[in-house]
Amino acid sequence: MTKIKSPVKGGKDKQPAMRTPRIVSPQEWQAARDQLLVKEKALTRARDALAAERRRMPWLAVDKAYMFEGPAGRVGLLDLFAGRRQLIVYRAFFEPGVHGWPDHACVGCSLVADQVGHLAHLNARDTTLAYVSRAPQADIGRLKARMGWQEIPWYTITDSFDADFGVGEWHGHNAFIRDGERVFRTYFIDGRGDEAMGTVWSYLDMTALGRQETWEDSPEGYPRSRPYKWWNWHDSYVPGAAPDPKWVEVSDADEAAFRKRDG
């Protein structure tokens, strides 16, 4: 181990020297990285296997008519899908009694909101993300404008939705799917699981349909398309449109190069 002086804090108070890893040659560094990469790939495969198990979770019918307040008035849980097949609902704490009210939402929930990627990519996989809180819509609208969260659909809880779905006292993501007018709960992530949420992949991997790509281990009949091909610029998605032929050509070449590199 190598000792490195830590920066001085608070004037006379000094941090103890850091005991850092040893300094090595480029060849030794690459060997160490290659060794760790074996474990990282194993973790990726384990994460894929876990997502495959989620896609085989039993569904729980949602029979209660939950209601919310939205920017345009009163809406039901089915409306939160915005016409798509899947819905992920994050319970964010923004209401009287929460630290930061009325200027801010919960510090942790705000960090989660800051991580949310562009929702066009998630929507392109027939999936909607929505936030719910107990704050009135006027306060939610003000908060979204202040914090730059205008893209996130955000509704006001008006009944026992939070208590019924495990988010009455703590944050969490609930995943739902609909079959026509029927709604089912398919999965739930909370606690440290929320730390990883925010990318299109983390959201899709918690849903019943997954990423909907051909390589995935999914039950028979699930929607699937070739990986990469459905990707697009976030302002260029057209529902039902065929993949951009130029992008198909480029991504095919990249896939071939990756296969050749990785053997």
C-alpha atoms as a PDB file:
ATOM      1  CA  MET A   1       0.000   0.000   0.000  1.00  0.00           C
ATOM      2  CA  THR A   2       1.058   3.615  -0.647  1.00  0.00           C
ATOM      3  CA  LYS A   3       0.478   6.483   1.750  1.00  0.00           C
ATOM      4  CA  ILE A   4      -0.823   9.764   0.286  1.00  0.00           C
ATOM      5  CA  LYS A   5      -1.403  12.903   2.302  1.00  0.00           C
ATOM      6  CA  SER A   6      -5.056  13.830   2.611  1.00  0.00           C
ATOM      7  CA  PRO A   7      -6.227  17.445   2.128  1.00  0.00           C
ATOM      8  CA  VAL A   8      -6.308  19.548   5.267  1.00  0.00           C
ATOM      9  CA  LYS A   9      -9.781  20.327   6.599  1.00  0.00           C
ATOM     10  CA  GLY A  10     -10.810  22.810   9.249  1.00  0.00           C
ATOM     11  CA  GLY A  11      -7.486  24.587   9.588  1.00  0.00           C
ATOM     12  CA  LYS A  12      -5.459  22.727  12.228  1.00  0.00           C
ATOM     13  CA  ASP A  13      -7.466  19.494  11.917  1.00  0.00           C
ATOM     14  CA  LYS A  14      -5.714  17.140   9.511  1.00  0.00           C
ATOM     15  CA  GLN A  15      -7.072  13.998   7.910  1.00  0.00           C
ATOM     16  CA  PRO A  16      -4.958  10.848   8.360  1.00  0.00           C
ATOM     17  CA  ALA A  17      -2.909   9.776   5.350  1.00  0.00           C
ATOM     18  CA  MET A  18      -4.801   7.599   2.883  1.00  0.00           C
ATOM     19  CA  ARG A  19      -3.510   4.042   2.471  1.00  0.00           C
ATOM     20  CA  THR A  20      -3.956   3.707  -1.288  1.00  0.00           C
ATOM     21  CA  PRO A  21      -3.377   0.678  -3.545  1.00  0.00           C
ATOM     22  CA  ARG A  22       0.116   0.218  -4.967  1.00  0.00           C
ATOM     23  CA  ILE A  23       1.282   2.065  -8.079  1.00  0.00           C
ATOM     24  CA  VAL A  24       1.957  -0.316 -11.001  1.00  0.00           C
ATOM     25  CA  SER A  25       3.047  -0.443 -14.626  1.00  0.00           C
ATOM     26  CA  PRO A  26       0.500  -0.244 -17.484  1.00  0.00           C
ATOM     27  CA  GLN A  27       0.863  -4.007 -18.025  1.00  0.00           C
ATOM     28  CA  GLU A  28       0.174  -4.813 -14.365  1.00  0.00           C
ATOM     29  CA  TRP A  29      -2.782  -2.430 -14.313  1.00  0.00           C
ATOM     30  CA  GLN A  30      -4.292  -4.104 -17.396  1.00  0.00           C
ATOM     31  CA  ALA A  31      -3.810  -7.562 -15.878  1.00  0.00           C
ATOM     32  CA  ALA A  32      -5.567  -6.464 -12.690  1.00  0.00           C
ATOM     33  CA  ARG A  33      -8.397  -4.934 -14.694  1.00  0.00           C
ATOM     34  CA  ASP A  34      -8.809  -8.085 -16.815  1.00  0.00           C
ATOM     35  CA  GLN A  35      -9.020 -10.160 -13.642  1.00  0.00           C
ATOM     36  CA  LEU A  36     -11.763  -7.965 -12.224  1.00  0.00           C
ATOM     37  CA  LEU A  37     -13.570  -7.893 -15.573  1.00  0.00           C
ATOM     38  CA  VAL A  38     -14.281 -11.630 -15.216  1.00  0.00           C
ATOM     39  CA  LYS A  39     -16.256 -10.886 -12.055  1.00  0.00           C
ATOM     40  CA  GLU A  40     -17.994  -7.895 -13.646  1.00  0.00           C
ATOM     41  CA  LYS A  41     -19.205 -10.029 -16.551  1.00  0.00           C
ATOM     42  CA  ALA A  42     -20.440 -12.655 -14.111  1.00  0.00           C
ATOM     43  CA  LEU A  43     -22.365  -9.933 -12.285  1.00  0.00           C
ATOM     44  CA  THR A  44     -23.920  -8.763 -15.566  1.00  0.00           C
ATOM     45  CA  ARG A  45     -25.048 -12.316 -16.376  1.00  0.00           C
ATOM     46  CA  ALA A  46     -26.468 -12.676 -12.859  1.00  0.00           C
ATOM     47  CA  ARG A  47     -28.345  -9.389 -13.264  1.00  0.00           C
ATOM     48  CA  ASP A  48     -29.788 -10.612 -16.580  1.00  0.00           C
ATOM     49  CA  ALA A  49     -30.869 -13.874 -14.916  1.00  0.00           C
ATOM     50  CA  LEU A  50     -32.567 -11.946 -12.105  1.00  0.00           C
ATOM     51  CA  ALA A  51     -34.449  -9.802 -14.634  1.00  0.00           C
ATOM     52  CA  ALA A  52     -35.565 -13.011 -16.379  1.00  0.00           C
ATOM     53  CA  GLU A  53     -37.003 -14.221 -13.052  1.00  0.00           C
ATOM     54  CA  ARG A  54     -38.859 -10.938 -12.658  1.00  0.00           C
ATOM     55  CA  ARG A  55     -40.506 -11.544 -16.040  1.00  0.00           C
ATOM     56  CA  ARG A  56     -41.856 -14.795 -14.613  1.00  0.00           C
ATOM     57  CA  MET A  57     -43.185 -13.294 -11.379  1.00  0.00           C
ATOM     58  CA  PRO A  58     -46.894 -13.907 -10.809  1.00  0.00           C
ATOM     59  CA  TRP A  59     -49.167 -10.926 -11.385  1.00  0.00           C
ATOM     60  CA  LEU A  60     -51.379  -9.384  -8.715  1.00  0.00           C
ATOM     61  CA  ALA A  61     -54.724  -8.024  -9.911  1.00  0.00           C
ATOM     62  CA  VAL A  62     -55.423  -4.425  -8.877  1.00  0.00           C
ATOM     63  CA  ASP A  63     -59.151  -4.341  -8.216  1.00  0.00           C
ATOM     64  CA  LYS A  64     -59.450  -1.091  -6.258  1.00  0.00           C
ATOM     65  CA  ALA A  65     -60.250   2.054  -8.236  1.00  0.00           C
ATOM     66  CA  TYR A  66     -57.360   4.292  -7.171  1.00  0.00           C
ATOM     67  CA  MET A  67     -57.717   7.973  -8.013  1.00  0.00           C
ATOM     68  CA  PHE A  68     -55.191  10.783  -8.406  1.00  0.00           C
ATOM     69  CA  GLU A  69     -55.176  14.480  -9.170  1.00  0.00           C
ATOM     70  CA  GLY A  70     -53.284  15.451 -12.311  1.00  0.00           C
ATOM     71  CA  PRO A  71     -52.602  18.719 -14.127  1.00  0.00           C
ATOM     72  CA  ALA A  72     -55.871  18.306 -16.028  1.00  0.00           C
ATOM     73  CA  GLY A  73     -57.977  17.062 -13.117  1.00  0.00           C
ATOM     74  CA  ARG A  74     -58.987  13.778 -11.522  1.00  0.00           C
ATOM     75  CA  VAL A  75     -57.651  10.569 -13.104  1.00  0.00           C
ATOM     76  CA  GLY A  76     -57.547   6.854 -12.340  1.00  0.00           C
ATOM     77  CA  LEU A  77     -54.607   4.470 -12.182  1.00  0.00           C
ATOM     78  CA  LEU A  78     -55.358   3.296 -15.719  1.00  0.00           C
ATOM     79  CA  ASP A  79     -54.950   6.879 -16.951  1.00  0.00           C
ATOM     80  CA  LEU A  80     -51.401   7.000 -15.580  1.00  0.00           C
ATOM     81  CA  PHE A  81     -50.402   4.451 -18.258  1.00  0.00           C
ATOM     82  CA  ALA A  82     -50.970   7.209 -20.867  1.00  0.00           C
ATOM     83  CA  GLY A  83     -52.164   4.578 -23.340  1.00  0.00           C
ATOM     84  CA  ARG A  84     -49.072   2.380 -22.972  1.00  0.00           C
ATOM     85  CA  ARG A  85     -48.981  -1.219 -21.805  1.00  0.00           C
ATOM     86  CA  GLN A  86     -46.685  -0.847 -18.803  1.00  0.00           C
ATOM     87  CA  LEU A  87     -46.423   1.667 -15.966  1.00  0.00           C
ATOM     88  CA  ILE A  88     -43.755   2.328 -13.334  1.00  0.00           C
ATOM     89  CA  VAL A  89     -44.858   4.496 -10.413  1.00  0.00           C
ATOM     90  CA  TYR A  90     -42.324   6.091  -8.068  1.00  0.00           C
ATOM     91  CA  ARG A  91     -43.628   7.373  -4.746  1.00  0.00           C
ATOM     92  CA  ALA A  92     -41.762  10.622  -4.053  1.00  0.00           C
ATOM     93  CA  PHE A  93     -42.075  12.327  -0.684  1.00  0.00           C
ATOM     94  CA  PHE A  94     -43.162  15.914  -1.298  1.00  0.00           C
ATOM     95  CA  GLU A  95     -45.800  17.064   1.165  1.00  0.00           C
ATOM     96  CA  PRO A  96     -46.231  18.869   4.504  1.00  0.00           C
ATOM     97  CA  GLY A  97     -44.051  17.290   7.183  1.00  0.00           C
ATOM     98  CA  VAL A  98     -41.303  16.197   4.776  1.00  0.00           C
ATOM     99  CA  HIS A  99     -37.896  17.849   5.196  1.00  0.00           C
ATOM    100  CA  GLY A 100     -37.621  20.608   2.606  1.00  0.00           C
ATOM    101  CA  TRP A 101     -41.324  21.410   2.345  1.00  0.00           C
ATOM    102  CA  PRO A 102     -42.571  23.563   0.703  1.00  0.00           C
ATOM    103  CA  ASP A 103     -39.498  24.565  -1.311  1.00  0.00           C
ATOM    104  CA  HIS A 104     -38.109  21.088  -1.899  1.00  0.00           C
ATOM    105  CA  ALA A 105     -39.081  17.432  -1.971  1.00  0.00           C
ATOM    106  CA  CYS A 106     -37.249  14.885   0.194  1.00  0.00           C
ATOM    107  CA  VAL A 107     -33.499  15.094  -0.428  1.00  0.00           C
ATOM    108  CA  GLY A 108     -33.272  11.406  -1.372  1.00  0.00           C
ATOM    109  CA  CYS A 109     -36.325  11.472  -3.640  1.00  0.00           C
ATOM    110  CA  SER A 110     -34.953  14.588  -5.307  1.00  0.00           C
ATOM    111  CA  LEU A 111     -31.664  12.821  -6.030  1.00  0.00           C
ATOM    112  CA  VAL A 112     -33.645   9.954  -7.592  1.00  0.00           C
ATOM    113  CA  ALA A 113     -35.574  12.416  -9.769  1.00  0.00           C
ATOM    114  CA  ASP A 114     -32.322  14.044 -10.889  1.00  0.00           C
ATOM    115  CA  GLN A 115     -31.171  10.651 -12.214  1.00  0.00           C
ATOM    116  CA  VAL A 116     -34.139  10.091 -14.539  1.00  0.00           C
ATOM    117  CA  GLY A 117     -33.018   9.779 -18.166  1.00  0.00           C
ATOM    118  CA  HIS A 118     -34.978  11.001 -21.168  1.00  0.00           C
ATOM    119  CA  LEU A 119     -38.356   9.268 -21.049  1.00  0.00           C
ATOM    120  CA  ALA A 120     -38.799   9.040 -24.840  1.00  0.00           C
ATOM    121  CA  HIS A 121     -36.636   5.911 -24.869  1.00  0.00           C
ATOM    122  CA  LEU A 122     -38.706   4.255 -22.145  1.00  0.00           C
ATOM    123  CA  ASN A 123     -41.931   5.260 -23.888  1.00  0.00           C
ATOM    124  CA  ALA A 124     -40.629   3.649 -27.090  1.00  0.00           C
ATOM    125  CA  ARG A 125     -40.785   0.317 -25.231  1.00  0.00           C
ATOM    126  CA  ASP A 126     -44.500   0.870 -24.456  1.00  0.00           C
ATOM    127  CA  THR A 127     -43.705   1.873 -20.866  1.00  0.00           C
ATOM    128  CA  THR A 128     -44.613   4.995 -18.868  1.00  0.00           C
ATOM    129  CA  LEU A 129     -42.884   6.374 -15.779  1.00  0.00           C
ATOM    130  CA  ALA A 130     -44.937   8.469 -13.360  1.00  0.00           C
ATOM    131  CA  TYR A 131     -44.237  10.050  -9.977  1.00  0.00           C
ATOM    132  CA  VAL A 132     -46.842  10.378  -7.220  1.00  0.00           C
ATOM    133  CA  SER A 133     -46.831  12.460  -4.034  1.00  0.00           C
ATOM    134  CA  ARG A 134     -49.375  13.876  -1.586  1.00  0.00           C
ATOM    135  CA  ALA A 135     -48.594  17.506  -2.384  1.00  0.00           C
ATOM    136  CA  PRO A 136     -51.264  19.489  -4.290  1.00  0.00           C
ATOM    137  CA  GLN A 137     -50.784  19.884  -8.039  1.00  0.00           C
ATOM    138  CA  ALA A 138     -49.952  23.584  -7.749  1.00  0.00           C
ATOM    139  CA  ASP A 139     -46.991  22.764  -5.507  1.00  0.00           C
ATOM    140  CA  ILE A 140     -45.898  19.860  -7.714  1.00  0.00           C
ATOM    141  CA  GLY A 141     -45.966  22.095 -10.796  1.00  0.00           C
ATOM    142  CA  ARG A 142     -43.895  24.726  -9.002  1.00  0.00           C
ATOM    143  CA  LEU A 143     -41.365  22.129  -7.839  1.00  0.00           C
ATOM    144  CA  LYS A 144     -41.005  20.573 -11.303  1.00  0.00           C
ATOM    145  CA  ALA A 145     -40.347  23.974 -12.870  1.00  0.00           C
ATOM    146  CA  ARG A 146     -37.803  24.925 -10.215  1.00  0.00           C
ATOM    147  CA  MET A 147     -35.874  21.644 -10.358  1.00  0.00           C
ATOM    148  CA  GLY A 148     -36.046  20.965 -14.111  1.00  0.00           C
ATOM    149  CA  TRP A 149     -38.288  17.909 -13.842  1.00  0.00           C
ATOM    150  CA  GLN A 150     -40.958  19.054 -16.306  1.00  0.00           C
ATOM    151  CA  GLU A 151     -40.707  15.845 -18.329  1.00  0.00           C
ATOM    152  CA  ILE A 152     -41.790  13.608 -15.438  1.00  0.00           C
ATOM    153  CA  PRO A 153     -45.571  13.054 -15.184  1.00  0.00           C
ATOM    154  CA  TRP A 154     -46.351  13.744 -11.507  1.00  0.00           C
ATOM    155  CA  TYR A 155     -49.694  13.112  -9.793  1.00  0.00           C
ATOM    156  CA  THR A 156     -51.244  13.749  -6.380  1.00  0.00           C
ATOM    157  CA  ILE A 157     -52.246  10.726  -4.268  1.00  0.00           C
ATOM    158  CA  THR A 158     -55.817  11.090  -2.970  1.00  0.00           C
ATOM    159  CA  ASP A 159     -56.470   7.728  -1.296  1.00  0.00           C
ATOM    160  CA  SER A 160     -54.640   4.690   0.141  1.00  0.00           C
ATOM    161  CA  PHE A 161     -52.498   3.974  -2.936  1.00  0.00           C
ATOM    162  CA  ASP A 162     -49.227   4.608  -1.081  1.00  0.00           C
ATOM    163  CA  ALA A 163     -50.128   2.474   1.941  1.00  0.00           C
ATOM    164  CA  ASP A 164     -51.521  -0.346  -0.210  1.00  0.00           C
ATOM    165  CA  PHE A 165     -48.384  -0.606  -2.353  1.00  0.00           C
ATOM    166  CA  GLY A 166     -45.656  -0.471   0.276  1.00  0.00           C
ATOM    167  CA  VAL A 167     -44.736   3.202  -0.068  1.00  0.00           C
ATOM    168  CA  GLY A 168     -46.691   4.827   2.731  1.00  0.00           C
ATOM    169  CA  GLU A 169     -43.629   5.475   4.878  1.00  0.00           C
ATOM    170  CA  TRP A 170     -40.773   4.975   2.415  1.00  0.00           C
ATOM    171  CA  HIS A 171     -39.978   5.575  -1.244  1.00  0.00           C
ATOM    172  CA  GLY A 172     -40.223   2.826  -3.864  1.00  0.00           C
ATOM    173  CA  HIS A 173     -40.966   1.875  -7.483  1.00  0.00           C
ATOM    174  CA  ASN A 174     -44.047  -0.214  -8.313  1.00  0.00           C
ATOM    175  CA  ALA A 175     -44.379  -1.801 -11.764  1.00  0.00           C
ATOM    176  CA  PHE A 176     -47.767  -2.467 -13.368  1.00  0.00           C
ATOM    177  CA  ILE A 177     -49.040  -3.924 -16.633  1.00  0.00           C
ATOM    178  CA  ARG A 178     -52.465  -3.672 -18.190  1.00  0.00           C
ATOM    179  CA  ASP A 179     -54.508  -6.111 -20.212  1.00  0.00           C
ATOM    180  CA  GLY A 180     -57.159  -3.886 -21.758  1.00  0.00           C
ATOM    181  CA  GLU A 181     -58.894  -2.260 -18.782  1.00  0.00           C
ATOM    182  CA  ARG A 182     -57.453  -4.684 -16.210  1.00  0.00           C
ATOM    183  CA  VAL A 183     -54.361  -3.624 -14.247  1.00  0.00           C
ATOM    184  CA  PHE A 184     -51.864  -5.925 -12.519  1.00  0.00           C
ATOM    185  CA  ARG A 185     -48.967  -5.268 -10.168  1.00  0.00           C
ATOM    186  CA  THR A 186     -45.884  -7.094 -11.447  1.00  0.00           C
ATOM    187  CA  TYR A 187     -42.913  -6.011  -9.298  1.00  0.00           C
ATOM    188  CA  PHE A 188     -41.690  -3.689  -6.543  1.00  0.00           C
ATOM    189  CA  ILE A 189     -38.265  -2.152  -5.806  1.00  0.00           C
ATOM    190  CA  ASP A 190     -37.408   0.012  -2.800  1.00  0.00           C
ATOM    191  CA  GLY A 191     -34.599   0.714  -0.339  1.00  0.00           C
ATOM    192  CA  ARG A 192     -31.150   0.529  -1.907  1.00  0.00           C
ATOM    193  CA  GLY A 193     -32.727  -0.874  -5.044  1.00  0.00           C
ATOM    194  CA  ASP A 194     -33.924   2.663  -5.796  1.00  0.00           C
ATOM    195  CA  GLU A 195     -30.304   3.832  -5.960  1.00  0.00           C
ATOM    196  CA  ALA A 196     -29.822   2.088  -9.315  1.00  0.00           C
ATOM    197  CA  MET A 197     -32.976   3.453 -10.928  1.00  0.00           C
ATOM    198  CA  GLY A 198     -32.951   6.209 -13.540  1.00  0.00           C
ATOM    199  CA  THR A 199     -31.699   4.653 -16.776  1.00  0.00           C
ATOM    200  CA  VAL A 200     -33.963   3.186 -19.418  1.00  0.00           C
ATOM    201  CA  TRP A 201     -32.340  -0.198 -18.721  1.00  0.00           C
ATOM    202  CA  SER A 202     -32.938  -0.161 -14.966  1.00  0.00           C
ATOM    203  CA  TYR A 203     -36.596   0.682 -15.531  1.00  0.00           C
ATOM    204  CA  LEU A 204     -37.160  -1.913 -18.256  1.00  0.00           C
ATOM    205  CA  ASP A 205     -35.372  -4.636 -16.303  1.00  0.00           C
ATOM    206  CA  MET A 206     -37.909  -4.325 -13.468  1.00  0.00           C
ATOM    207  CA  THR A 207     -40.927  -4.648 -15.761  1.00  0.00           C
ATOM    208  CA  ALA A 208     -42.889  -7.737 -16.740  1.00  0.00           C
ATOM    209  CA  LEU A 209     -41.893  -7.406 -20.415  1.00  0.00           C
ATOM    210  CA  GLY A 210     -38.247  -6.457 -19.831  1.00  0.00           C
ATOM    211  CA  ARG A 211     -36.206  -4.829 -22.587  1.00  0.00           C
ATOM    212  CA  GLN A 212     -38.261  -6.730 -25.183  1.00  0.00           C
ATOM    213  CA  GLU A 213     -35.163  -7.811 -27.104  1.00  0.00           C
ATOM    214  CA  THR A 214     -34.432 -11.115 -28.828  1.00  0.00           C
ATOM    215  CA  TRP A 215     -31.486 -12.109 -26.621  1.00  0.00           C
ATOM    216  CA  GLU A 216     -33.511 -12.054 -23.416  1.00  0.00           C
ATOM    217  CA  ASP A 217     -34.774 -15.160 -21.645  1.00  0.00           C
ATOM    218  CA  SER A 218     -38.494 -14.349 -21.703  1.00  0.00           C
ATOM    219  CA  PRO A 219     -41.655 -16.482 -21.716  1.00  0.00           C
ATOM    220  CA  GLU A 220     -43.066 -17.512 -25.080  1.00  0.00           C
ATOM    221  CA  GLY A 221     -45.105 -14.856 -26.850  1.00  0.00           C
ATOM    222  CA  TYR A 222     -43.496 -11.856 -25.178  1.00  0.00           C
ATOM    223  CA  PRO A 223     -42.787  -8.891 -27.504  1.00  0.00           C
ATOM    224  CA  ARG A 224     -39.233  -8.928 -28.849  1.00  0.00           C
ATOM    225  CA  SER A 225     -37.142  -7.059 -31.371  1.00  0.00           C
ATOM    226  CA  ARG A 226     -33.467  -7.012 -32.266  1.00  0.00           C
ATOM    227  CA  PRO A 227     -31.218  -5.173 -29.796  1.00  0.00           C
ATOM    228  CA  TYR A 228     -29.968  -1.708 -30.755  1.00  0.00           C
ATOM    229  CA  LYS A 229     -32.286  -1.477 -33.774  1.00  0.00           C
ATOM    230  CA  TRP A 230     -35.174   0.183 -31.926  1.00  0.00           C
ATOM    231  CA  TRP A 231     -32.887   2.909 -30.517  1.00  0.00           C
ATOM    232  CA  ASN A 232     -33.354   6.429 -31.865  1.00  0.00           C
ATOM    233  CA  TRP A 233     -32.713  10.062 -31.070  1.00  0.00           C
ATOM    234  CA  HIS A 234     -35.145  11.064 -28.351  1.00  0.00           C
ATOM    235  CA  ASP A 235     -36.898  13.536 -30.679  1.00  0.00           C
ATOM    236  CA  SER A 236     -37.192  11.082 -33.581  1.00  0.00           C
ATOM    237  CA  TYR A 237     -39.266   8.148 -32.332  1.00  0.00           C
ATOM    238  CA  VAL A 238     -42.287   7.348 -34.521  1.00  0.00           C
ATOM    239  CA  PRO A 239     -44.622   4.638 -33.163  1.00  0.00           C
ATOM    240  CA  GLY A 240     -44.670   1.596 -35.427  1.00  0.00           C
ATOM    241  CA  ALA A 241     -41.963   2.920 -37.745  1.00  0.00           C
ATOM    242  CA  ALA A 242     -39.306   0.563 -39.098  1.00  0.00           C
ATOM    243  CA  PRO A 243     -35.743   1.030 -37.768  1.00  0.00           C
ATOM    244  CA  ASP A 244     -33.560   3.564 -39.571  1.00  0.00           C
ATOM    245  CA  PRO A 245     -31.749   1.466 -42.233  1.00  0.00           C
ATOM    246  CA  LYS A 246     -28.529   3.455 -41.806  1.00  0.00           C
ATOM    247  CA  TRP A 247     -28.577   2.843 -38.061  1.00  0.00           C
ATOM    248  CA  VAL A 248     -29.194  -0.874 -38.677  1.00  0.00           C
ATOM    249  CA  GLU A 249     -26.100  -0.949 -40.889  1.00  0.00           C
ATOM    250  CA  VAL A 250     -23.966   0.879 -38.324  1.00  0.00           C
ATOM    251  CA  SER A 251     -25.136  -1.186 -35.342  1.00  0.00           C
ATOM    252  CA  ASP A 252     -24.695  -4.466 -37.262  1.00  0.00           C
ATOM    253  CA  ALA A 253     -21.073  -3.521 -37.931  1.00  0.00           C
ATOM    254  CA  ASP A 254     -20.539  -2.649 -34.278  1.00  0.00           C
ATOM    255  CA  GLU A 255     -22.041  -5.975 -33.142  1.00  0.00           C
ATOM    256  CA  ALA A 256     -19.765  -7.889 -35.517  1.00  0.00           C
ATOM    257  CA  ALA A 257     -16.731  -6.019 -34.186  1.00  0.00           C
ATOM    258  CA  PHE A 258     -17.702  -6.764 -30.570  1.00  0.00           C
ATOM    259  CA  ARG A 259     -18.156 -10.469 -31.315  1.00  0.00           C
ATOM    260  CA  LYS A 260     -14.760 -10.606 -33.039  1.00  0.00           C
ATOM    261  CA  ARG A 261     -13.065  -8.782 -30.153  1.00  0.00           C
ATOM    262  CA  ASP A 262     -14.663 -10.938 -27.450  1.00  0.00           C
ATOM    263  CA  GLY A 263     -14.115 -14.175 -29.340  1.00  0.00           C
END
